[in-house]
Amino acid sequence: MKVILCPDKFKSSLTAEEVCSAMAKGVRTVVPQAEVVRMPLADGGEGTLSVLESNLNAERVCVEVSGPLFVPVLAHYLLKGNRAYIEMAEASGLPLLKTFERSAMNTSTYGTGELIAHAIGRGAKEVFVLIGGSATNDGGCGMAEALGVRFLSHGGRNLTAIRGKDLARINQIDTTALSAYKDITFVVLSDVRNPLTGPNGATHVFAPQKGAGVAEMEHLEKGLLNLAACLGNGLEDQPGAGAAGGLGYGLMSFLGAEIRSGVNTLLHMLNFSEQLDSANLILTGEGKLDHQTMSGKVVAGVVEAVGNRNIPIGIICGICENLPEIKRELRADWVVQLRDQANGFRDSMTNAARYVQQAAAQIAKEWRSGADN
């Protein structure tokens, strides 16, 4: 029996690697002789770098860069040959800030640009930027500034240390310095499909969790609209432009980046389809299943990759909104919620590993019972 374990992280509870470990323990309590293939996954956002590091024989490069509020932070990226993998959350992520420090008005992606420049300085010719978990809403202008782009106000004054609040002041953009990167290929991995602006854009959907109030959101939206008008490239409506506070738009606009599905790219890198050829059972999962699951999240990516191979799929999650509908849409054989086993939300978070193990054992037991019959 071959079981593939391919979950995402359970946010604020377990890493994808830890979920795999708990699943493996559960499966082996029922089927000790099972061949268990651990394949922790991510969707291109926060945590993707850790998944890549556990699967790629790549060099970890550590460098001090500017954090979201320009306070120095120690970040790292991966370098394998002439390919670099950079997770923007390492330099510009929300987890780098205390709750009271969150401010979409005052944060910048400058540190992400510093990571990109450092990787290119080390010889990278292909740069993968993993975006998600951002603390920013600067349209990628901070990143561009770190790479030499100049932003000028209506009075012709240089705008430096660009933050979300500064975008409305931009009148001209000098991208001359970017000619140094014309031979570099940039790829963005993300699960976010939002446009840059509008009711489903970066500001209205994501800025509140980054500390923005109503008045601040109006100013930030005005800034992103002004940025799009200054650049005039029409990319603001592209799916993913609004990812990471508009960093998706900035990477497309300034560096010609291509946006790809994070989970699909990882599945390809890890040769997932080859592993499926001899699989008997697949276990995947994430912290929360909801309507967003179908939009590029790990679980949906796994289900899509399995396709019509007729391999049973079990999904383990912390909580599932509208379980019958989600189960039907995902074509899952089992969906097990940790909240049904735990004594309340806190218990499900604190003891998630134990409950994941129990859920995996439950699914394996039901699978074996069905197979025996």
Protein backbone atom coordinates (compact mmCIF):
# COMPACT_ATOMS: atom_id res chain seq x y z
CA MET A 1 0.00 0.00 0.00
CA LYS A 2 1.36 3.41 -0.98
CA VAL A 3 0.04 6.52 0.74
CA ILE A 4 0.97 10.02 -0.40
CA LEU A 5 0.84 12.72 2.28
CA CYS A 6 0.62 16.15 0.66
CA PRO A 7 -0.85 18.77 3.02
CA ASP A 8 -0.41 22.49 3.39
CA LYS A 9 0.47 24.01 6.75
CA PHE A 10 -2.18 24.51 9.42
CA LYS A 11 -1.64 28.23 9.93
CA SER A 12 -0.53 29.27 13.43
CA SER A 13 -0.56 25.61 14.48
CA LEU A 14 1.53 23.17 12.39
CA THR A 15 3.97 23.47 9.51
CA ALA A 16 3.31 21.34 6.45
CA GLU A 17 6.20 19.09 7.53
CA GLU A 18 4.64 18.65 10.98
CA VAL A 19 1.27 17.80 9.43
CA CYS A 20 3.00 15.14 7.30
CA SER A 21 4.66 13.66 10.38
CA ALA A 22 1.37 13.43 12.28
CA MET A 23 -0.40 11.91 9.26
CA ALA A 24 2.34 9.31 8.87
CA LYS A 25 2.02 8.24 12.50
CA GLY A 26 -1.72 7.85 12.10
CA VAL A 27 -1.46 5.80 8.92
CA ARG A 28 1.16 3.48 10.38
CA THR A 29 -0.93 2.71 13.46
CA VAL A 30 -3.41 1.08 11.05
CA VAL A 31 -1.19 -0.09 8.20
CA PRO A 32 2.36 -0.50 9.64
CA GLN A 33 3.77 -1.86 6.38
CA ALA A 34 2.49 1.03 4.23
CA GLU A 35 4.88 2.91 1.98
CA VAL A 36 4.41 6.49 3.11
CA VAL A 37 5.54 9.30 0.80
CA ARG A 38 5.80 12.65 2.56
CA MET A 39 5.33 15.63 0.27
CA PRO A 40 4.62 18.81 2.28
CA LEU A 41 3.16 21.50 0.05
CA ALA A 42 2.42 25.22 -0.07
CA ASP A 43 0.55 27.54 -2.41
CA GLY A 44 3.33 29.97 -3.23
CA GLY A 45 2.81 32.17 -0.18
CA GLU A 46 4.27 32.10 3.29
CA GLY A 47 5.84 28.71 4.07
CA THR A 48 6.66 27.84 0.46
CA LEU A 49 10.37 28.47 0.96
CA SER A 50 10.47 25.94 3.80
CA VAL A 51 8.79 23.33 1.59
CA LEU A 52 11.27 23.97 -1.21
CA GLU A 53 14.19 23.79 1.18
CA SER A 54 13.10 20.36 2.39
CA ASN A 55 12.91 19.07 -1.18
CA LEU A 56 15.69 20.85 -3.06
CA ASN A 57 19.41 20.48 -2.54
CA ALA A 58 19.80 24.26 -2.51
CA GLU A 59 22.08 26.68 -0.69
CA ARG A 60 20.48 28.79 2.04
CA VAL A 61 21.74 32.36 1.75
CA CYS A 62 21.28 34.63 4.77
CA VAL A 63 21.39 38.43 4.44
CA GLU A 64 20.37 41.42 6.52
CA VAL A 65 17.77 43.55 4.78
CA SER A 66 15.18 46.20 5.59
CA GLY A 67 12.06 44.91 7.29
CA PRO A 68 8.55 46.24 6.56
CA LEU A 69 9.20 49.34 8.70
CA PHE A 70 12.83 49.69 7.55
CA VAL A 71 14.13 48.09 10.74
CA PRO A 72 16.88 45.60 9.77
CA VAL A 73 15.89 41.91 9.77
CA LEU A 74 17.85 38.76 8.99
CA ALA A 75 16.24 37.02 6.02
CA HIS A 76 17.21 34.12 3.79
CA TYR A 77 16.57 32.81 0.31
CA LEU A 78 17.55 29.66 -1.60
CA LEU A 79 20.04 29.47 -4.42
CA LYS A 80 20.37 26.44 -6.66
CA GLY A 81 22.65 26.95 -9.63
CA ASN A 82 21.47 30.14 -11.34
CA ARG A 83 17.96 29.90 -9.91
CA ALA A 84 16.93 31.79 -6.76
CA TYR A 85 13.84 31.29 -4.60
CA ILE A 86 12.82 34.34 -2.58
CA GLU A 87 9.92 34.45 -0.12
CA MET A 88 8.79 38.04 0.29
CA ALA A 89 7.44 37.34 3.78
CA GLU A 90 11.05 36.85 4.91
CA ALA A 91 11.67 40.57 4.43
CA SER A 92 8.25 42.20 4.14
CA GLY A 93 5.92 39.83 5.97
CA LEU A 94 3.22 40.47 8.53
CA PRO A 95 4.75 37.99 11.02
CA LEU A 96 7.76 40.32 11.32
CA LEU A 97 5.58 42.91 13.05
CA LYS A 98 3.88 42.99 16.43
CA THR A 99 0.14 43.57 16.23
CA PHE A 100 0.42 47.23 17.23
CA GLU A 101 3.07 47.79 14.53
CA ARG A 102 0.87 46.75 11.63
CA SER A 103 0.40 49.66 9.26
CA ALA A 104 -0.31 49.30 5.56
CA MET A 105 0.34 53.04 5.28
CA ASN A 106 3.88 52.86 6.62
CA THR A 107 5.21 49.50 5.43
CA SER A 108 7.38 48.82 2.39
CA THR A 109 8.59 45.94 0.20
CA TYR A 110 12.07 47.52 0.03
CA GLY A 111 13.64 44.52 1.78
CA THR A 112 12.20 42.16 -0.81
CA GLY A 113 13.94 44.22 -3.49
CA GLU A 114 17.17 43.94 -1.53
CA LEU A 115 16.84 40.14 -1.50
CA ILE A 116 16.28 40.13 -5.26
CA ALA A 117 19.34 42.33 -5.83
CA HIS A 118 21.48 40.15 -3.57
CA ALA A 119 20.43 36.97 -5.38
CA ILE A 120 21.21 38.48 -8.77
CA GLY A 121 24.56 39.61 -7.40
CA ARG A 122 25.21 35.96 -6.53
CA GLY A 123 24.61 34.97 -10.15
CA ALA A 124 20.88 34.23 -10.27
CA LYS A 125 19.45 34.38 -13.79
CA GLU A 126 15.99 33.06 -12.90
CA VAL A 127 14.30 34.45 -9.81
CA PHE A 128 11.18 32.90 -8.29
CA VAL A 129 9.42 35.30 -5.91
CA LEU A 130 6.99 33.64 -3.50
CA ILE A 131 4.41 36.19 -2.43
CA GLY A 132 1.96 36.00 0.43
CA GLY A 133 1.68 36.94 4.10
CA SER A 134 2.69 40.51 3.34
CA ALA A 135 2.59 43.47 5.72
CA THR A 136 2.52 45.89 2.81
CA ASN A 137 0.27 47.80 0.42
CA ASP A 138 2.83 49.66 -1.67
CA GLY A 139 2.20 48.14 -5.10
CA GLY A 140 5.75 46.79 -5.14
CA CYS A 141 7.22 50.31 -5.28
CA GLY A 142 9.52 49.68 -2.32
CA MET A 143 10.87 46.60 -4.09
CA ALA A 144 11.40 48.63 -7.26
CA GLU A 145 13.11 51.43 -5.35
CA ALA A 146 15.62 48.96 -3.93
CA LEU A 147 16.44 47.97 -7.53
CA GLY A 148 17.11 51.57 -8.58
CA VAL A 149 13.72 52.86 -9.77
CA ARG A 150 13.21 56.56 -9.01
CA PHE A 151 9.85 57.98 -8.00
CA LEU A 152 9.27 61.71 -8.44
CA SER A 153 6.58 63.93 -6.96
CA HIS A 154 4.66 66.64 -8.83
CA GLY A 155 7.40 69.10 -7.88
CA GLY A 156 10.06 66.85 -9.33
CA ARG A 157 11.31 65.88 -5.88
CA ASN A 158 12.71 62.39 -5.29
CA LEU A 159 10.45 60.26 -3.13
CA THR A 160 12.54 57.86 -1.06
CA ALA A 161 11.75 55.08 1.41
CA ILE A 162 8.49 54.56 -0.49
CA ARG A 163 5.61 53.27 1.62
CA GLY A 164 1.92 52.71 0.98
CA LYS A 165 1.04 56.25 2.00
CA ASP A 166 3.42 57.74 -0.61
CA LEU A 167 1.90 56.27 -3.77
CA ALA A 168 -0.64 59.08 -4.16
CA ARG A 169 2.24 61.58 -4.43
CA ILE A 170 3.94 59.91 -7.39
CA ASN A 171 3.91 61.88 -10.64
CA GLN A 172 6.76 60.37 -12.67
CA ILE A 173 8.63 57.06 -12.55
CA ASP A 174 12.17 56.63 -13.88
CA THR A 175 12.86 52.95 -14.61
CA THR A 176 16.21 53.46 -16.35
CA ALA A 177 18.08 51.40 -13.74
CA LEU A 178 16.01 48.30 -14.55
CA SER A 179 17.92 47.82 -17.80
CA ALA A 180 20.46 45.97 -15.64
CA TYR A 181 17.87 43.22 -15.12
CA LYS A 182 16.64 42.81 -18.71
CA ASP A 183 18.26 39.39 -19.06
CA ILE A 184 16.86 38.04 -15.78
CA THR A 185 13.69 35.92 -15.80
CA PHE A 186 11.24 36.61 -12.96
CA VAL A 187 8.45 34.25 -11.92
CA VAL A 188 5.86 34.96 -9.23
CA LEU A 189 4.28 32.09 -7.33
CA SER A 190 0.96 32.95 -5.70
CA ASP A 191 -2.50 31.58 -5.01
CA VAL A 192 -4.11 35.05 -4.91
CA ARG A 193 -6.09 36.01 -8.01
CA ASN A 194 -7.26 39.48 -6.92
CA PRO A 195 -6.79 42.54 -9.19
CA LEU A 196 -4.82 45.54 -7.97
CA THR A 197 -7.73 47.87 -7.24
CA GLY A 198 -11.48 47.91 -6.74
CA PRO A 199 -13.70 46.09 -4.23
CA ASN A 200 -11.78 42.84 -4.75
CA GLY A 201 -8.39 44.52 -4.92
CA ALA A 202 -5.38 44.60 -2.62
CA THR A 203 -6.60 47.43 -0.39
CA HIS A 204 -10.22 46.51 0.21
CA VAL A 205 -9.62 42.78 0.71
CA PHE A 206 -6.30 42.65 2.54
CA ALA A 207 -5.38 46.05 4.01
CA PRO A 208 -7.67 45.80 7.08
CA GLN A 209 -5.64 42.87 8.43
CA LYS A 210 -2.55 45.03 7.96
CA GLY A 211 -3.84 47.74 10.29
CA ALA A 212 -5.67 50.02 7.84
CA GLY A 213 -8.83 51.83 8.90
CA VAL A 214 -11.51 53.23 6.58
CA ALA A 215 -9.81 56.59 5.97
CA GLU A 216 -6.44 54.93 5.44
CA MET A 217 -7.96 52.47 2.98
CA GLU A 218 -9.32 55.34 0.90
CA HIS A 219 -5.85 56.89 0.77
CA LEU A 220 -4.17 53.57 -0.08
CA GLU A 221 -6.66 52.84 -2.86
CA LYS A 222 -6.10 56.31 -4.28
CA GLY A 223 -2.38 55.59 -4.23
CA LEU A 224 -2.68 52.31 -6.12
CA LEU A 225 -4.96 53.92 -8.70
CA ASN A 226 -2.39 56.70 -9.14
CA LEU A 227 0.43 54.16 -9.54
CA ALA A 228 -1.54 52.32 -12.23
CA ALA A 229 -2.22 55.62 -14.02
CA CYS A 230 1.45 56.61 -13.92
CA LEU A 231 2.61 53.28 -15.35
CA GLY A 232 -0.31 52.98 -17.77
CA ASN A 233 0.38 49.37 -18.71
CA GLY A 234 -3.09 47.91 -18.09
CA LEU A 235 -1.75 45.17 -15.82
CA GLU A 236 -3.79 46.29 -12.81
CA ASP A 237 -6.66 43.98 -13.77
CA GLN A 238 -4.50 40.90 -14.29
CA PRO A 239 -5.25 38.02 -11.88
CA GLY A 240 -2.72 38.22 -9.06
CA ALA A 241 -1.94 41.91 -9.49
CA GLY A 242 -3.36 42.55 -6.03
CA ALA A 243 -1.35 39.79 -4.34
CA ALA A 244 0.83 40.86 -1.41
CA GLY A 245 -0.45 44.41 -1.34
CA GLY A 246 0.09 44.86 -5.06
CA LEU A 247 3.57 43.33 -5.15
CA GLY A 248 2.25 41.04 -7.89
CA TYR A 249 1.50 44.13 -9.97
CA GLY A 250 4.87 45.66 -9.17
CA LEU A 251 6.79 42.55 -10.20
CA MET A 252 4.86 42.32 -13.47
CA SER A 253 5.18 46.03 -14.19
CA PHE A 254 8.79 46.70 -13.25
CA LEU A 255 10.41 43.32 -13.95
CA GLY A 256 8.16 41.66 -16.52
CA ALA A 257 7.38 38.81 -14.14
CA GLU A 258 5.04 35.98 -15.03
CA ILE A 259 2.53 34.96 -12.38
CA ARG A 260 2.04 31.22 -11.95
CA SER A 261 -0.04 29.05 -9.64
CA GLY A 262 2.08 28.31 -6.59
CA VAL A 263 0.72 24.86 -5.84
CA ASN A 264 0.74 23.71 -9.46
CA THR A 265 4.35 24.81 -9.88
CA LEU A 266 5.40 23.00 -6.70
CA LEU A 267 3.58 19.83 -7.73
CA HIS A 268 5.45 19.92 -11.03
CA MET A 269 8.80 20.53 -9.32
CA LEU A 270 8.20 17.59 -6.98
CA ASN A 271 7.15 15.20 -9.78
CA PHE A 272 3.78 14.64 -8.13
CA SER A 273 2.21 13.03 -11.20
CA GLU A 274 4.89 10.33 -11.24
CA GLN A 275 4.20 9.50 -7.60
CA LEU A 276 0.49 9.08 -8.39
CA ASP A 277 1.10 6.16 -10.76
CA SER A 278 1.33 3.62 -7.92
CA ALA A 279 -0.60 5.42 -5.14
CA ASN A 280 -3.43 3.73 -3.24
CA LEU A 281 -4.48 6.61 -0.98
CA ILE A 282 -3.85 10.35 -0.80
CA LEU A 283 -4.10 12.47 2.33
CA THR A 284 -4.03 16.24 2.03
CA GLY A 285 -5.36 19.12 4.09
CA GLU A 286 -5.05 22.64 5.41
CA GLY A 287 -6.18 24.62 8.43
CA LYS A 288 -9.44 25.89 6.94
CA LEU A 289 -11.53 24.75 4.00
CA ASP A 290 -13.80 27.44 2.59
CA HIS A 291 -14.76 29.12 -0.69
CA GLN A 292 -11.15 30.31 -1.13
CA THR A 293 -9.92 26.70 -1.15
CA MET A 294 -11.05 26.31 -4.75
CA SER A 295 -9.01 29.34 -5.87
CA GLY A 296 -5.48 28.01 -6.09
CA LYS A 297 -5.08 26.55 -2.61
CA VAL A 298 -3.13 23.35 -1.96
CA VAL A 299 -6.08 21.02 -1.47
CA ALA A 300 -7.76 22.06 -4.72
CA GLY A 301 -4.44 21.79 -6.55
CA VAL A 302 -3.93 18.24 -5.30
CA VAL A 303 -7.44 17.21 -6.28
CA GLU A 304 -7.01 18.73 -9.73
CA ALA A 305 -3.67 16.95 -10.20
CA VAL A 306 -5.18 13.58 -9.22
CA GLY A 307 -7.88 14.12 -11.82
CA ASN A 308 -9.66 10.92 -12.92
CA ARG A 309 -7.09 8.46 -11.61
CA ASN A 310 -9.62 6.93 -9.22
CA ILE A 311 -7.34 7.24 -6.18
CA PRO A 312 -9.21 7.76 -2.88
CA ILE A 313 -8.59 11.20 -1.35
CA GLY A 314 -8.86 12.05 2.32
CA ILE A 315 -8.81 15.66 3.49
CA ILE A 316 -7.99 16.70 7.05
CA CYS A 317 -8.69 20.26 8.15
CA GLY A 318 -9.11 22.30 11.29
CA ILE A 319 -12.51 23.52 10.21
CA CYS A 320 -14.63 23.34 7.07
CA GLU A 321 -17.26 25.88 6.11
CA ASN A 322 -20.28 24.28 4.44
CA LEU A 323 -18.81 20.79 4.58
CA PRO A 324 -21.27 18.98 2.25
CA GLU A 325 -20.74 21.51 -0.56
CA ILE A 326 -16.95 21.63 -0.15
CA LYS A 327 -16.73 17.83 -0.06
CA ARG A 328 -18.78 17.59 -3.24
CA GLU A 329 -16.78 20.27 -5.06
CA LEU A 330 -13.48 18.66 -4.09
CA ARG A 331 -14.72 15.16 -4.92
CA ALA A 332 -13.21 13.93 -1.66
CA ASP A 333 -13.89 10.50 -0.18
CA TRP A 334 -13.32 11.79 3.37
CA VAL A 335 -13.25 15.22 4.99
CA VAL A 336 -12.37 15.14 8.69
CA GLN A 337 -12.46 18.29 10.83
CA LEU A 338 -10.25 18.56 13.90
CA ARG A 339 -12.90 20.62 15.64
CA ASP A 340 -15.16 17.55 15.72
CA GLN A 341 -12.53 15.71 17.77
CA ALA A 342 -11.20 18.53 19.95
CA ASN A 343 -12.59 20.21 23.04
CA GLY A 344 -13.00 23.63 21.51
CA PHE A 345 -10.95 25.83 19.21
CA ARG A 346 -7.98 26.35 21.52
CA ASP A 347 -7.60 22.62 22.09
CA SER A 348 -7.72 21.96 18.34
CA MET A 349 -4.92 24.48 17.80
CA THR A 350 -2.75 23.45 20.74
CA ASN A 351 -3.03 19.71 20.17
CA ALA A 352 -3.44 19.76 16.40
CA ALA A 353 -0.74 17.12 15.80
CA ARG A 354 -2.55 14.58 17.98
CA TYR A 355 -5.87 15.19 16.26
CA VAL A 356 -4.31 15.05 12.76
CA GLN A 357 -2.81 11.68 13.71
CA GLN A 358 -6.20 10.44 14.89
CA ALA A 359 -7.91 11.70 11.73
CA ALA A 360 -5.32 10.02 9.49
CA ALA A 361 -5.76 6.76 11.37
CA GLN A 362 -9.55 7.03 10.99
CA ILE A 363 -9.30 7.54 7.23
CA ALA A 364 -6.75 4.73 6.84
CA LYS A 365 -8.96 2.38 8.82
CA GLU A 366 -12.03 3.17 6.70
CA TRP A 367 -9.97 2.85 3.52
CA ARG A 368 -8.59 -0.54 4.55
CA SER A 369 -12.05 -1.73 5.51
CA GLY A 370 -13.38 -0.75 2.08
CA ALA A 371 -10.41 -2.29 0.28
CA ASP A 372 -10.84 -5.58 2.17
CA ASN A 373 -14.46 -5.72 1.09
